[in-house]
Amino acid sequence: MAPVTVFLDGAHIRSRPEYQKRPLDVVVVKIESSHMCRRFGLVQKGAQAPARQVRQDLKETGWDGESPIIAISGGEPALPNLVRYAVGGPVRHILDWWHISMRVKRVENAVRGLLQAKRFPGIPVLFGRPADQLRWYLWHGKIRAATTGLRWLKTDCERLCKDDPGVRDAAARVPARCREFDTYLANNMDSLTNHGRRYRNGLPISSARAEGCVDDIGNTRMGKRRRMRWSPKGADRVAVVQATVLDGRLTGKYPRITA
């Protein structure tokens, strides 16, 4: 049975003051099966039964209730959990490569700032090589090697002579970024995979297909740059209709009314 792939992303919109002070979260989803794809959006605080809605969309794309489901998203656990509730069973979640890459970049920038300090007292290769290898390890699914490299970076920073204030400040940033990234990997350990192998096999490794729908479903009518504020139920209805129009599932006079 061919797996059904679910790409997930989110957008923030302004809410009306009487509902909550924080922005509302619009969930944008693109479902792809072997013969069909479908987009939809929802606001969990406004939808009556968001999991049931996702399950219905999965069935309409050809999911038979038994085929494996692959969900691809960032590190926000609410997004894959929504698919798990809809399926009522196990879902394989894959962490979006772009989110991993951006966090690697934060570590690389911190190490680069340390190496560029005027009175850097260490051996550059001991710091530059682990940072350079970190992306390669994660791309090829070598998670243990990546976490070991992070720990060596932290240890080497602690051993540095930090008499110079510039070195001290730069050296403090590297362990902080490493701890942050190490925690991120630990929290998403079950969602890490060999992204390089998937890429070579022509399989998706990012949630970009859902991110491309965020503007069309969430930001076109409800983006932060617009001055409108929304209730949860109203925002949910607009997101559902926008996705339906984009997929061409409304015919006749309805596209003209909802455009």
C-alpha atoms as a PDB file:
ATOM      1  CA  MET A   1       0.000   0.000   0.000  1.00  0.00           C
ATOM      2  CA  ALA A   2       1.425   3.368  -1.041  1.00  0.00           C
ATOM      3  CA  PRO A   3       1.683   5.823   1.858  1.00  0.00           C
ATOM      4  CA  VAL A   4      -0.323   9.025   1.990  1.00  0.00           C
ATOM      5  CA  THR A   5       1.830  12.076   2.706  1.00  0.00           C
ATOM      6  CA  VAL A   6       0.467  14.951   4.772  1.00  0.00           C
ATOM      7  CA  PHE A   7       2.353  18.269   4.701  1.00  0.00           C
ATOM      8  CA  LEU A   8       1.547  20.655   7.563  1.00  0.00           C
ATOM      9  CA  ASP A   9       2.314  24.262   8.323  1.00  0.00           C
ATOM     10  CA  GLY A  10       0.711  27.104  10.250  1.00  0.00           C
ATOM     11  CA  ALA A  11       0.013  30.831  10.076  1.00  0.00           C
ATOM     12  CA  HIS A  12      -0.892  33.420  12.710  1.00  0.00           C
ATOM     13  CA  ILE A  13      -3.781  35.844  12.247  1.00  0.00           C
ATOM     14  CA  ARG A  14      -5.179  38.646  14.386  1.00  0.00           C
ATOM     15  CA  SER A  15      -7.981  37.649  16.720  1.00  0.00           C
ATOM     16  CA  ARG A  16     -10.791  39.796  18.031  1.00  0.00           C
ATOM     17  CA  PRO A  17     -10.008  41.100  21.568  1.00  0.00           C
ATOM     18  CA  GLU A  18     -13.001  39.463  23.203  1.00  0.00           C
ATOM     19  CA  TYR A  19     -11.745  35.970  22.278  1.00  0.00           C
ATOM     20  CA  GLN A  20      -8.084  36.048  23.240  1.00  0.00           C
ATOM     21  CA  LYS A  21      -5.104  38.370  23.228  1.00  0.00           C
ATOM     22  CA  ARG A  22      -2.817  35.970  21.376  1.00  0.00           C
ATOM     23  CA  PRO A  23      -3.120  35.501  17.602  1.00  0.00           C
ATOM     24  CA  LEU A  24      -5.160  32.621  16.227  1.00  0.00           C
ATOM     25  CA  ASP A  25      -3.336  29.709  14.615  1.00  0.00           C
ATOM     26  CA  VAL A  26      -4.462  28.649  11.141  1.00  0.00           C
ATOM     27  CA  VAL A  27      -3.411  25.104  10.259  1.00  0.00           C
ATOM     28  CA  VAL A  28      -2.643  24.642   6.562  1.00  0.00           C
ATOM     29  CA  VAL A  29      -2.458  21.096   5.234  1.00  0.00           C
ATOM     30  CA  LYS A  30      -1.733  19.543   1.860  1.00  0.00           C
ATOM     31  CA  ILE A  31      -2.506  15.852   1.423  1.00  0.00           C
ATOM     32  CA  GLU A  32      -0.904  13.873  -1.410  1.00  0.00           C
ATOM     33  CA  SER A  33      -1.747  10.302  -2.349  1.00  0.00           C
ATOM     34  CA  SER A  34      -0.677   8.255  -5.349  1.00  0.00           C
ATOM     35  CA  HIS A  35      -3.392   9.702  -7.581  1.00  0.00           C
ATOM     36  CA  MET A  36      -4.679  12.880  -5.945  1.00  0.00           C
ATOM     37  CA  CYS A  37      -3.729  15.906  -3.837  1.00  0.00           C
ATOM     38  CA  ARG A  38      -5.871  18.186  -1.740  1.00  0.00           C
ATOM     39  CA  ARG A  39      -5.433  21.352   0.318  1.00  0.00           C
ATOM     40  CA  PHE A  40      -7.395  22.475   3.319  1.00  0.00           C
ATOM     41  CA  GLY A  41      -7.153  24.845   6.250  1.00  0.00           C
ATOM     42  CA  LEU A  42      -8.736  25.081   9.654  1.00  0.00           C
ATOM     43  CA  VAL A  43      -8.557  26.906  12.969  1.00  0.00           C
ATOM     44  CA  GLN A  44      -8.626  24.338  15.765  1.00  0.00           C
ATOM     45  CA  LYS A  45     -10.233  26.749  18.217  1.00  0.00           C
ATOM     46  CA  GLY A  46     -13.048  27.402  15.734  1.00  0.00           C
ATOM     47  CA  ALA A  47     -13.584  24.011  14.119  1.00  0.00           C
ATOM     48  CA  GLN A  48     -16.223  21.764  15.668  1.00  0.00           C
ATOM     49  CA  ALA A  49     -14.252  18.558  15.118  1.00  0.00           C
ATOM     50  CA  PRO A  50     -10.828  19.252  13.523  1.00  0.00           C
ATOM     51  CA  ALA A  51      -9.650  15.625  13.708  1.00  0.00           C
ATOM     52  CA  ARG A  52     -12.825  14.401  12.038  1.00  0.00           C
ATOM     53  CA  GLN A  53     -12.394  17.024   9.343  1.00  0.00           C
ATOM     54  CA  VAL A  54      -8.841  15.844   8.633  1.00  0.00           C
ATOM     55  CA  ARG A  55     -10.002  12.220   8.535  1.00  0.00           C
ATOM     56  CA  GLN A  56     -12.695  13.106   6.006  1.00  0.00           C
ATOM     57  CA  ASP A  57     -10.157  14.893   3.803  1.00  0.00           C
ATOM     58  CA  LEU A  58      -7.834  11.898   3.993  1.00  0.00           C
ATOM     59  CA  LYS A  59     -10.610   9.579   2.848  1.00  0.00           C
ATOM     60  CA  GLU A  60     -11.523  11.879  -0.035  1.00  0.00           C
ATOM     61  CA  THR A  61      -7.935  11.673  -1.319  1.00  0.00           C
ATOM     62  CA  GLY A  62      -8.166   7.896  -1.462  1.00  0.00           C
ATOM     63  CA  TRP A  63      -6.986   6.842   1.995  1.00  0.00           C
ATOM     64  CA  ASP A  64      -8.560   3.483   2.827  1.00  0.00           C
ATOM     65  CA  GLY A  65      -8.130   3.696   6.594  1.00  0.00           C
ATOM     66  CA  GLU A  66      -5.212   1.241   6.614  1.00  0.00           C
ATOM     67  CA  SER A  67      -2.548   2.725   4.319  1.00  0.00           C
ATOM     68  CA  PRO A  68       0.445   4.216   6.150  1.00  0.00           C
ATOM     69  CA  ILE A  69       0.438   7.936   6.818  1.00  0.00           C
ATOM     70  CA  ILE A  70       3.558  10.129   6.678  1.00  0.00           C
ATOM     71  CA  ALA A  71       3.304  13.608   8.206  1.00  0.00           C
ATOM     72  CA  ILE A  72       5.990  16.208   7.472  1.00  0.00           C
ATOM     73  CA  SER A  73       6.165  19.389   9.556  1.00  0.00           C
ATOM     74  CA  GLY A  74       8.415  21.454  11.801  1.00  0.00           C
ATOM     75  CA  GLY A  75       8.978  20.834  15.476  1.00  0.00           C
ATOM     76  CA  GLU A  76       5.524  21.933  16.644  1.00  0.00           C
ATOM     77  CA  PRO A  77       3.962  18.739  18.137  1.00  0.00           C
ATOM     78  CA  ALA A  78       0.360  19.939  17.722  1.00  0.00           C
ATOM     79  CA  LEU A  79       0.510  19.540  13.939  1.00  0.00           C
ATOM     80  CA  PRO A  80       1.398  15.816  13.695  1.00  0.00           C
ATOM     81  CA  ASN A  81      -0.785  15.118  16.731  1.00  0.00           C
ATOM     82  CA  LEU A  82      -3.759  16.443  14.806  1.00  0.00           C
ATOM     83  CA  VAL A  83      -3.110  13.817  12.109  1.00  0.00           C
ATOM     84  CA  ARG A  84      -2.664  11.093  14.750  1.00  0.00           C
ATOM     85  CA  TYR A  85      -6.025  11.932  16.302  1.00  0.00           C
ATOM     86  CA  ALA A  86      -7.628  11.874  12.853  1.00  0.00           C
ATOM     87  CA  VAL A  87      -6.127   8.523  11.890  1.00  0.00           C
ATOM     88  CA  GLY A  88      -6.629   6.935  15.280  1.00  0.00           C
ATOM     89  CA  GLY A  89      -3.376   5.040  14.957  1.00  0.00           C
ATOM     90  CA  PRO A  90       0.365   5.434  14.396  1.00  0.00           C
ATOM     91  CA  VAL A  91       1.619   8.119  12.033  1.00  0.00           C
ATOM     92  CA  ARG A  92       5.211   8.403  10.912  1.00  0.00           C
ATOM     93  CA  HIS A  93       6.315  11.986  11.474  1.00  0.00           C
ATOM     94  CA  ILE A  94       9.331  13.368   9.607  1.00  0.00           C
ATOM     95  CA  LEU A  95      10.951  16.573  10.793  1.00  0.00           C
ATOM     96  CA  ASP A  96      11.152  19.199   8.084  1.00  0.00           C
ATOM     97  CA  TRP A  97      14.742  19.552   6.827  1.00  0.00           C
ATOM     98  CA  TRP A  98      14.543  23.341   6.527  1.00  0.00           C
ATOM     99  CA  HIS A  99      13.847  23.709  10.258  1.00  0.00           C
ATOM    100  CA  ILE A 100      16.809  21.448  11.049  1.00  0.00           C
ATOM    101  CA  SER A 101      19.064  23.368   8.671  1.00  0.00           C
ATOM    102  CA  MET A 102      18.166  26.742  10.186  1.00  0.00           C
ATOM    103  CA  ARG A 103      19.060  25.503  13.666  1.00  0.00           C
ATOM    104  CA  VAL A 104      22.369  24.135  12.387  1.00  0.00           C
ATOM    105  CA  LYS A 105      23.006  27.585  10.928  1.00  0.00           C
ATOM    106  CA  ARG A 106      22.635  29.145  14.381  1.00  0.00           C
ATOM    107  CA  VAL A 107      25.353  26.853  15.746  1.00  0.00           C
ATOM    108  CA  GLU A 108      27.602  27.545  12.734  1.00  0.00           C
ATOM    109  CA  ASN A 109      27.224  31.304  13.159  1.00  0.00           C
ATOM    110  CA  ALA A 110      28.080  31.094  16.862  1.00  0.00           C
ATOM    111  CA  VAL A 111      31.235  29.066  16.121  1.00  0.00           C
ATOM    112  CA  ARG A 112      32.200  31.436  13.316  1.00  0.00           C
ATOM    113  CA  GLY A 113      31.870  34.402  15.679  1.00  0.00           C
ATOM    114  CA  LEU A 114      34.116  32.653  18.202  1.00  0.00           C
ATOM    115  CA  LEU A 115      36.797  31.884  15.602  1.00  0.00           C
ATOM    116  CA  GLN A 116      36.760  35.510  14.442  1.00  0.00           C
ATOM    117  CA  ALA A 117      37.427  36.858  17.940  1.00  0.00           C
ATOM    118  CA  LYS A 118      40.686  38.842  17.927  1.00  0.00           C
ATOM    119  CA  ARG A 119      42.376  36.921  20.736  1.00  0.00           C
ATOM    120  CA  PHE A 120      40.896  33.485  20.154  1.00  0.00           C
ATOM    121  CA  PRO A 121      43.186  31.189  22.195  1.00  0.00           C
ATOM    122  CA  GLY A 122      42.108  27.775  20.866  1.00  0.00           C
ATOM    123  CA  ILE A 123      42.884  25.590  17.864  1.00  0.00           C
ATOM    124  CA  PRO A 124      40.440  26.604  15.076  1.00  0.00           C
ATOM    125  CA  VAL A 125      40.097  23.121  13.607  1.00  0.00           C
ATOM    126  CA  LEU A 126      38.765  21.743  16.918  1.00  0.00           C
ATOM    127  CA  PHE A 127      35.815  24.135  16.664  1.00  0.00           C
ATOM    128  CA  GLY A 128      35.352  24.589  12.931  1.00  0.00           C
ATOM    129  CA  ARG A 129      35.341  20.900  11.970  1.00  0.00           C
ATOM    130  CA  PRO A 130      32.527  19.730  14.328  1.00  0.00           C
ATOM    131  CA  ALA A 131      30.358  22.656  13.221  1.00  0.00           C
ATOM    132  CA  ASP A 132      31.006  21.926   9.540  1.00  0.00           C
ATOM    133  CA  GLN A 133      30.286  18.201   9.972  1.00  0.00           C
ATOM    134  CA  LEU A 134      27.054  18.733  11.910  1.00  0.00           C
ATOM    135  CA  ARG A 135      24.902  19.331   8.830  1.00  0.00           C
ATOM    136  CA  TRP A 136      26.401  16.332   7.000  1.00  0.00           C
ATOM    137  CA  TYR A 137      25.739  14.011   9.936  1.00  0.00           C
ATOM    138  CA  LEU A 138      22.096  15.064  10.222  1.00  0.00           C
ATOM    139  CA  TRP A 139      21.521  14.921   6.462  1.00  0.00           C
ATOM    140  CA  HIS A 140      22.661  11.302   6.450  1.00  0.00           C
ATOM    141  CA  GLY A 141      20.757  10.321   9.599  1.00  0.00           C
ATOM    142  CA  LYS A 142      23.833   9.955  11.833  1.00  0.00           C
ATOM    143  CA  ILE A 143      22.133  11.436  14.879  1.00  0.00           C
ATOM    144  CA  ARG A 144      24.494  10.005  17.504  1.00  0.00           C
ATOM    145  CA  ALA A 145      27.524  11.458  15.729  1.00  0.00           C
ATOM    146  CA  ALA A 146      25.795  14.848  15.501  1.00  0.00           C
ATOM    147  CA  THR A 147      24.936  14.948  19.211  1.00  0.00           C
ATOM    148  CA  THR A 148      28.482  13.833  20.092  1.00  0.00           C
ATOM    149  CA  GLY A 149      29.862  16.720  18.030  1.00  0.00           C
ATOM    150  CA  LEU A 150      27.623  19.167  19.885  1.00  0.00           C
ATOM    151  CA  ARG A 151      28.867  17.900  23.244  1.00  0.00           C
ATOM    152  CA  TRP A 152      32.506  18.178  22.160  1.00  0.00           C
ATOM    153  CA  LEU A 153      31.897  21.771  21.095  1.00  0.00           C
ATOM    154  CA  LYS A 154      30.464  22.583  24.525  1.00  0.00           C
ATOM    155  CA  THR A 155      33.374  20.881  26.300  1.00  0.00           C
ATOM    156  CA  ASP A 156      36.035  22.649  24.207  1.00  0.00           C
ATOM    157  CA  CYS A 157      34.397  26.022  24.864  1.00  0.00           C
ATOM    158  CA  GLU A 158      34.471  25.406  28.592  1.00  0.00           C
ATOM    159  CA  ARG A 159      38.227  24.683  28.418  1.00  0.00           C
ATOM    160  CA  LEU A 160      39.090  27.924  26.635  1.00  0.00           C
ATOM    161  CA  CYS A 161      41.015  30.680  28.362  1.00  0.00           C
ATOM    162  CA  LYS A 162      38.443  33.467  28.642  1.00  0.00           C
ATOM    163  CA  ASP A 163      40.502  36.381  29.946  1.00  0.00           C
ATOM    164  CA  ASP A 164      39.542  38.500  26.933  1.00  0.00           C
ATOM    165  CA  PRO A 165      35.936  39.843  27.164  1.00  0.00           C
ATOM    166  CA  GLY A 166      35.353  39.315  23.419  1.00  0.00           C
ATOM    167  CA  VAL A 167      36.371  35.676  23.623  1.00  0.00           C
ATOM    168  CA  ARG A 168      34.320  35.184  26.797  1.00  0.00           C
ATOM    169  CA  ASP A 169      31.132  36.532  25.193  1.00  0.00           C
ATOM    170  CA  ALA A 170      31.628  34.591  21.959  1.00  0.00           C
ATOM    171  CA  ALA A 171      32.471  31.384  23.846  1.00  0.00           C
ATOM    172  CA  ALA A 172      29.300  31.688  25.921  1.00  0.00           C
ATOM    173  CA  ARG A 173      27.111  31.782  22.813  1.00  0.00           C
ATOM    174  CA  VAL A 174      28.389  28.489  21.395  1.00  0.00           C
ATOM    175  CA  PRO A 175      27.390  26.219  24.350  1.00  0.00           C
ATOM    176  CA  ALA A 176      24.030  28.007  24.594  1.00  0.00           C
ATOM    177  CA  ARG A 177      23.275  27.311  20.922  1.00  0.00           C
ATOM    178  CA  CYS A 178      24.535  23.737  21.261  1.00  0.00           C
ATOM    179  CA  ARG A 179      22.327  23.049  24.291  1.00  0.00           C
ATOM    180  CA  GLU A 180      19.332  24.541  22.527  1.00  0.00           C
ATOM    181  CA  PHE A 181      19.909  22.411  19.432  1.00  0.00           C
ATOM    182  CA  ASP A 182      20.664  19.282  21.465  1.00  0.00           C
ATOM    183  CA  THR A 183      17.324  19.706  23.270  1.00  0.00           C
ATOM    184  CA  TYR A 184      15.555  20.204  19.951  1.00  0.00           C
ATOM    185  CA  LEU A 185      17.013  16.962  18.577  1.00  0.00           C
ATOM    186  CA  ALA A 186      16.179  15.048  21.771  1.00  0.00           C
ATOM    187  CA  ASN A 187      12.564  16.248  21.692  1.00  0.00           C
ATOM    188  CA  ASN A 188      12.207  15.191  18.053  1.00  0.00           C
ATOM    189  CA  MET A 189      14.330  12.039  18.067  1.00  0.00           C
ATOM    190  CA  ASP A 190      11.503   9.850  16.721  1.00  0.00           C
ATOM    191  CA  SER A 191      10.995  12.264  13.808  1.00  0.00           C
ATOM    192  CA  LEU A 192      14.592  12.296  12.564  1.00  0.00           C
ATOM    193  CA  THR A 193      15.446  10.251   9.503  1.00  0.00           C
ATOM    194  CA  ASN A 194      18.003   9.865   6.721  1.00  0.00           C
ATOM    195  CA  HIS A 195      16.980  12.904   4.697  1.00  0.00           C
ATOM    196  CA  GLY A 196      19.717  12.296   2.123  1.00  0.00           C
ATOM    197  CA  ARG A 197      18.383   8.834   1.282  1.00  0.00           C
ATOM    198  CA  ARG A 198      14.826  10.124   0.967  1.00  0.00           C
ATOM    199  CA  TYR A 199      16.019  12.941  -1.287  1.00  0.00           C
ATOM    200  CA  ARG A 200      17.924  10.553  -3.559  1.00  0.00           C
ATOM    201  CA  ASN A 201      14.845   8.347  -3.807  1.00  0.00           C
ATOM    202  CA  GLY A 202      12.702  11.289  -4.862  1.00  0.00           C
ATOM    203  CA  LEU A 203      10.741  11.408  -1.594  1.00  0.00           C
ATOM    204  CA  PRO A 204       9.765  14.690   0.102  1.00  0.00           C
ATOM    205  CA  ILE A 205      11.919  15.947   2.969  1.00  0.00           C
ATOM    206  CA  SER A 206      10.257  19.282   3.818  1.00  0.00           C
ATOM    207  CA  SER A 207       6.868  20.813   4.413  1.00  0.00           C
ATOM    208  CA  ALA A 208       7.403  23.363   1.626  1.00  0.00           C
ATOM    209  CA  ARG A 209       4.331  22.116  -0.235  1.00  0.00           C
ATOM    210  CA  ALA A 210       2.158  23.206   2.675  1.00  0.00           C
ATOM    211  CA  GLU A 211       4.134  26.395   3.223  1.00  0.00           C
ATOM    212  CA  GLY A 212       3.318  27.363  -0.364  1.00  0.00           C
ATOM    213  CA  CYS A 213      -0.372  27.246   0.552  1.00  0.00           C
ATOM    214  CA  VAL A 214      -0.082  29.468   3.616  1.00  0.00           C
ATOM    215  CA  ASP A 215      -0.363  32.705   1.648  1.00  0.00           C
ATOM    216  CA  ASP A 216      -3.258  31.415  -0.448  1.00  0.00           C
ATOM    217  CA  ILE A 217      -5.281  30.038   2.467  1.00  0.00           C
ATOM    218  CA  GLY A 218      -4.234  32.063   5.494  1.00  0.00           C
ATOM    219  CA  ASN A 219      -2.610  35.333   4.501  1.00  0.00           C
ATOM    220  CA  THR A 220      -4.603  36.398   1.436  1.00  0.00           C
ATOM    221  CA  ARG A 221      -7.694  37.297   3.463  1.00  0.00           C
ATOM    222  CA  MET A 222      -6.482  37.062   7.058  1.00  0.00           C
ATOM    223  CA  GLY A 223      -2.785  38.004   7.071  1.00  0.00           C
ATOM    224  CA  LYS A 224      -1.283  40.160   9.823  1.00  0.00           C
ATOM    225  CA  ARG A 225      -0.770  43.039   7.388  1.00  0.00           C
ATOM    226  CA  ARG A 226      -4.506  43.346   6.972  1.00  0.00           C
ATOM    227  CA  ARG A 227      -6.407  45.298   9.601  1.00  0.00           C
ATOM    228  CA  MET A 228      -9.231  42.810  10.047  1.00  0.00           C
ATOM    229  CA  ARG A 229      -9.580  40.792  13.247  1.00  0.00           C
ATOM    230  CA  TRP A 230     -11.227  37.405  13.375  1.00  0.00           C
ATOM    231  CA  SER A 231     -13.258  35.182  15.615  1.00  0.00           C
ATOM    232  CA  PRO A 232     -12.131  31.525  15.755  1.00  0.00           C
ATOM    233  CA  LYS A 233     -15.281  30.282  14.017  1.00  0.00           C
ATOM    234  CA  GLY A 234     -15.169  32.964  11.321  1.00  0.00           C
ATOM    235  CA  ALA A 235     -11.485  32.366  10.588  1.00  0.00           C
ATOM    236  CA  ASP A 236     -12.077  28.619  10.377  1.00  0.00           C
ATOM    237  CA  ARG A 237     -14.876  29.068   7.854  1.00  0.00           C
ATOM    238  CA  VAL A 238     -12.787  31.382   5.680  1.00  0.00           C
ATOM    239  CA  ALA A 239      -9.836  28.944   5.722  1.00  0.00           C
ATOM    240  CA  VAL A 240     -12.083  26.026   4.730  1.00  0.00           C
ATOM    241  CA  VAL A 241     -13.695  27.979   1.885  1.00  0.00           C
ATOM    242  CA  GLN A 242     -10.377  29.343   0.600  1.00  0.00           C
ATOM    243  CA  ALA A 243      -8.906  25.846   0.351  1.00  0.00           C
ATOM    244  CA  THR A 244     -12.064  24.555  -1.338  1.00  0.00           C
ATOM    245  CA  VAL A 245     -11.929  27.321  -3.943  1.00  0.00           C
ATOM    246  CA  LEU A 246      -8.217  26.748  -4.616  1.00  0.00           C
ATOM    247  CA  ASP A 247      -8.811  23.045  -5.233  1.00  0.00           C
ATOM    248  CA  GLY A 248     -11.711  23.768  -7.593  1.00  0.00           C
ATOM    249  CA  ARG A 249     -14.162  21.903  -5.411  1.00  0.00           C
ATOM    250  CA  LEU A 250     -16.711  24.710  -5.591  1.00  0.00           C
ATOM    251  CA  THR A 251     -18.551  25.111  -8.868  1.00  0.00           C
ATOM    252  CA  GLY A 252     -21.084  27.420 -10.439  1.00  0.00           C
ATOM    253  CA  LYS A 253     -21.862  30.634  -8.602  1.00  0.00           C
ATOM    254  CA  TYR A 254     -20.021  29.764  -5.367  1.00  0.00           C
ATOM    255  CA  PRO A 255     -16.473  30.708  -6.519  1.00  0.00           C
ATOM    256  CA  ARG A 256     -17.764  34.170  -7.478  1.00  0.00           C
ATOM    257  CA  ILE A 257     -19.383  34.619  -4.067  1.00  0.00           C
ATOM    258  CA  THR A 258     -16.379  33.438  -2.021  1.00  0.00           C
ATOM    259  CA  ALA A 259     -13.581  34.949  -4.127  1.00  0.00           C
END
